[in-house]
Amino acid sequence: MTRQAREQFIATLAMLLTLAVGGAFVGGLSGGLLVPIAAVLVMAYAKGRLVILDFMELRPSRSLLRSALLAWPAALLSLALARAVAVTLIG
């Protein structure tokens, strides 16, 4: 592993840990409100994107697999947001 690759790995890992702690903090203080839940879902997508692009080494790739792997968490998190909106509106 080169020095540049190691530095990129450490930076990505630090970003993932920051997003995880931030998501836990915001989620814990959300109180069931919609905006914090949406923020947590955005942070979850950012974490998934970092894992897919950096740890699976798909950042330089332009393949269909990369697009499918990025669409999968987006679809799941969109469903989670739709559920949160429905629960908020229904009561």
C-alpha atoms as a PDB file:
ATOM      1  CA  MET A   1       0.000   0.000   0.000  1.00  0.00           C
ATOM      2  CA  THR A   2       1.441   3.330  -1.012  1.00  0.00           C
ATOM      3  CA  ARG A   3       1.516   6.336   1.249  1.00  0.00           C
ATOM      4  CA  GLN A   4      -1.167   8.097  -0.788  1.00  0.00           C
ATOM      5  CA  ALA A   5      -3.457   5.049  -0.683  1.00  0.00           C
ATOM      6  CA  ARG A   6      -2.958   4.753   3.078  1.00  0.00           C
ATOM      7  CA  GLU A   7      -3.797   8.428   3.583  1.00  0.00           C
ATOM      8  CA  GLN A   8      -6.927   8.095   1.444  1.00  0.00           C
ATOM      9  CA  PHE A   9      -7.943   4.999   3.412  1.00  0.00           C
ATOM     10  CA  ILE A  10      -7.506   6.795   6.741  1.00  0.00           C
ATOM     11  CA  ALA A  11      -9.425   9.842   5.476  1.00  0.00           C
ATOM     12  CA  THR A  12     -12.305   7.676   4.267  1.00  0.00           C
ATOM     13  CA  LEU A  13     -12.359   5.747   7.524  1.00  0.00           C
ATOM     14  CA  ALA A  14     -12.406   8.995   9.508  1.00  0.00           C
ATOM     15  CA  MET A  15     -15.293  10.247   7.387  1.00  0.00           C
ATOM     16  CA  LEU A  16     -17.225   7.006   7.937  1.00  0.00           C
ATOM     17  CA  LEU A  17     -16.698   7.178  11.699  1.00  0.00           C
ATOM     18  CA  THR A  18     -17.728  10.837  11.777  1.00  0.00           C
ATOM     19  CA  LEU A  19     -20.895  10.094   9.820  1.00  0.00           C
ATOM     20  CA  ALA A  20     -21.690   7.125  12.067  1.00  0.00           C
ATOM     21  CA  VAL A  21     -21.267   9.117  15.277  1.00  0.00           C
ATOM     22  CA  GLY A  22     -23.142  12.086  13.806  1.00  0.00           C
ATOM     23  CA  GLY A  23     -25.978   9.863  12.649  1.00  0.00           C
ATOM     24  CA  ALA A  24     -26.254   8.240  16.057  1.00  0.00           C
ATOM     25  CA  PHE A  25     -26.219  11.632  17.766  1.00  0.00           C
ATOM     26  CA  VAL A  26     -28.841  13.174  15.470  1.00  0.00           C
ATOM     27  CA  GLY A  27     -30.962  10.030  15.543  1.00  0.00           C
ATOM     28  CA  GLY A  28     -30.862   9.903  19.312  1.00  0.00           C
ATOM     29  CA  LEU A  29     -32.000  13.498  19.623  1.00  0.00           C
ATOM     30  CA  SER A  30     -34.536  13.431  16.773  1.00  0.00           C
ATOM     31  CA  GLY A  31     -37.559  12.718  18.906  1.00  0.00           C
ATOM     32  CA  GLY A  32     -39.341  11.263  15.899  1.00  0.00           C
ATOM     33  CA  LEU A  33     -39.257  14.511  13.920  1.00  0.00           C
ATOM     34  CA  LEU A  34     -39.054  14.249  10.157  1.00  0.00           C
ATOM     35  CA  VAL A  35     -36.101  16.559   9.403  1.00  0.00           C
ATOM     36  CA  PRO A  36     -33.593  14.791  11.681  1.00  0.00           C
ATOM     37  CA  ILE A  37     -34.743  11.437  10.326  1.00  0.00           C
ATOM     38  CA  ALA A  38     -34.121  12.690   6.783  1.00  0.00           C
ATOM     39  CA  ALA A  39     -30.678  13.932   7.854  1.00  0.00           C
ATOM     40  CA  VAL A  40     -29.826  10.521   9.293  1.00  0.00           C
ATOM     41  CA  LEU A  41     -30.933   8.852   6.040  1.00  0.00           C
ATOM     42  CA  VAL A  42     -28.744  11.220   4.005  1.00  0.00           C
ATOM     43  CA  MET A  43     -25.804  10.381   6.267  1.00  0.00           C
ATOM     44  CA  ALA A  44     -26.551   6.681   5.795  1.00  0.00           C
ATOM     45  CA  TYR A  45     -26.461   7.106   2.011  1.00  0.00           C
ATOM     46  CA  ALA A  46     -23.167   8.989   2.257  1.00  0.00           C
ATOM     47  CA  LYS A  47     -21.682   6.131   4.299  1.00  0.00           C
ATOM     48  CA  GLY A  48     -22.918   3.552   1.815  1.00  0.00           C
ATOM     49  CA  ARG A  49     -21.515   5.549  -1.083  1.00  0.00           C
ATOM     50  CA  LEU A  50     -18.103   5.778   0.577  1.00  0.00           C
ATOM     51  CA  VAL A  51     -18.048   2.039   1.217  1.00  0.00           C
ATOM     52  CA  ILE A  52     -19.101   1.215  -2.340  1.00  0.00           C
ATOM     53  CA  LEU A  53     -16.710   3.608  -4.043  1.00  0.00           C
ATOM     54  CA  ASP A  54     -13.644   3.405  -1.816  1.00  0.00           C
ATOM     55  CA  PHE A  55     -13.607   0.077   0.002  1.00  0.00           C
ATOM     56  CA  MET A  56     -14.990  -1.881  -2.944  1.00  0.00           C
ATOM     57  CA  GLU A  57     -12.585   0.087  -5.199  1.00  0.00           C
ATOM     58  CA  LEU A  58     -15.279   1.115  -7.664  1.00  0.00           C
ATOM     59  CA  ARG A  59     -14.440   4.834  -7.740  1.00  0.00           C
ATOM     60  CA  PRO A  60     -12.541   4.724 -11.069  1.00  0.00           C
ATOM     61  CA  SER A  61     -15.038   2.269 -12.578  1.00  0.00           C
ATOM     62  CA  ARG A  62     -17.928   3.357 -14.799  1.00  0.00           C
ATOM     63  CA  SER A  63     -19.605  -0.041 -14.904  1.00  0.00           C
ATOM     64  CA  LEU A  64     -23.228  -0.997 -14.534  1.00  0.00           C
ATOM     65  CA  LEU A  65     -22.348  -2.731 -11.259  1.00  0.00           C
ATOM     66  CA  ARG A  66     -21.271   0.584  -9.732  1.00  0.00           C
ATOM     67  CA  SER A  67     -24.539   2.236 -10.745  1.00  0.00           C
ATOM     68  CA  ALA A  68     -26.582  -0.675  -9.422  1.00  0.00           C
ATOM     69  CA  LEU A  69     -24.713  -0.710  -6.118  1.00  0.00           C
ATOM     70  CA  LEU A  70     -25.261   3.026  -5.685  1.00  0.00           C
ATOM     71  CA  ALA A  71     -28.954   2.745  -6.600  1.00  0.00           C
ATOM     72  CA  TRP A  72     -29.613  -0.026  -4.072  1.00  0.00           C
ATOM     73  CA  PRO A  73     -29.086   2.025  -0.868  1.00  0.00           C
ATOM     74  CA  ALA A  74     -30.795   5.013  -2.518  1.00  0.00           C
ATOM     75  CA  ALA A  75     -33.895   2.909  -3.143  1.00  0.00           C
ATOM     76  CA  LEU A  76     -33.918   1.441   0.363  1.00  0.00           C
ATOM     77  CA  LEU A  77     -33.387   4.800   2.024  1.00  0.00           C
ATOM     78  CA  SER A  78     -36.104   6.354  -0.148  1.00  0.00           C
ATOM     79  CA  LEU A  79     -38.495   3.694   1.107  1.00  0.00           C
ATOM     80  CA  ALA A  80     -37.425   4.416   4.678  1.00  0.00           C
ATOM     81  CA  LEU A  81     -38.058   8.133   4.124  1.00  0.00           C
ATOM     82  CA  ALA A  82     -41.465   7.394   2.592  1.00  0.00           C
ATOM     83  CA  ARG A  83     -42.324   5.315   5.659  1.00  0.00           C
ATOM     84  CA  ALA A  84     -41.213   8.099   7.998  1.00  0.00           C
ATOM     85  CA  VAL A  85     -43.302  10.629   6.074  1.00  0.00           C
ATOM     86  CA  ALA A  86     -46.338   8.313   6.137  1.00  0.00           C
ATOM     87  CA  VAL A  87     -45.995   7.745   9.882  1.00  0.00           C
ATOM     88  CA  THR A  88     -45.656  11.484  10.443  1.00  0.00           C
ATOM     89  CA  LEU A  89     -48.722  12.295   8.353  1.00  0.00           C
ATOM     90  CA  ILE A  90     -50.906   9.490   9.685  1.00  0.00           C
ATOM     91  CA  GLY A  91     -50.032  10.204  13.262  1.00  0.00           C
END
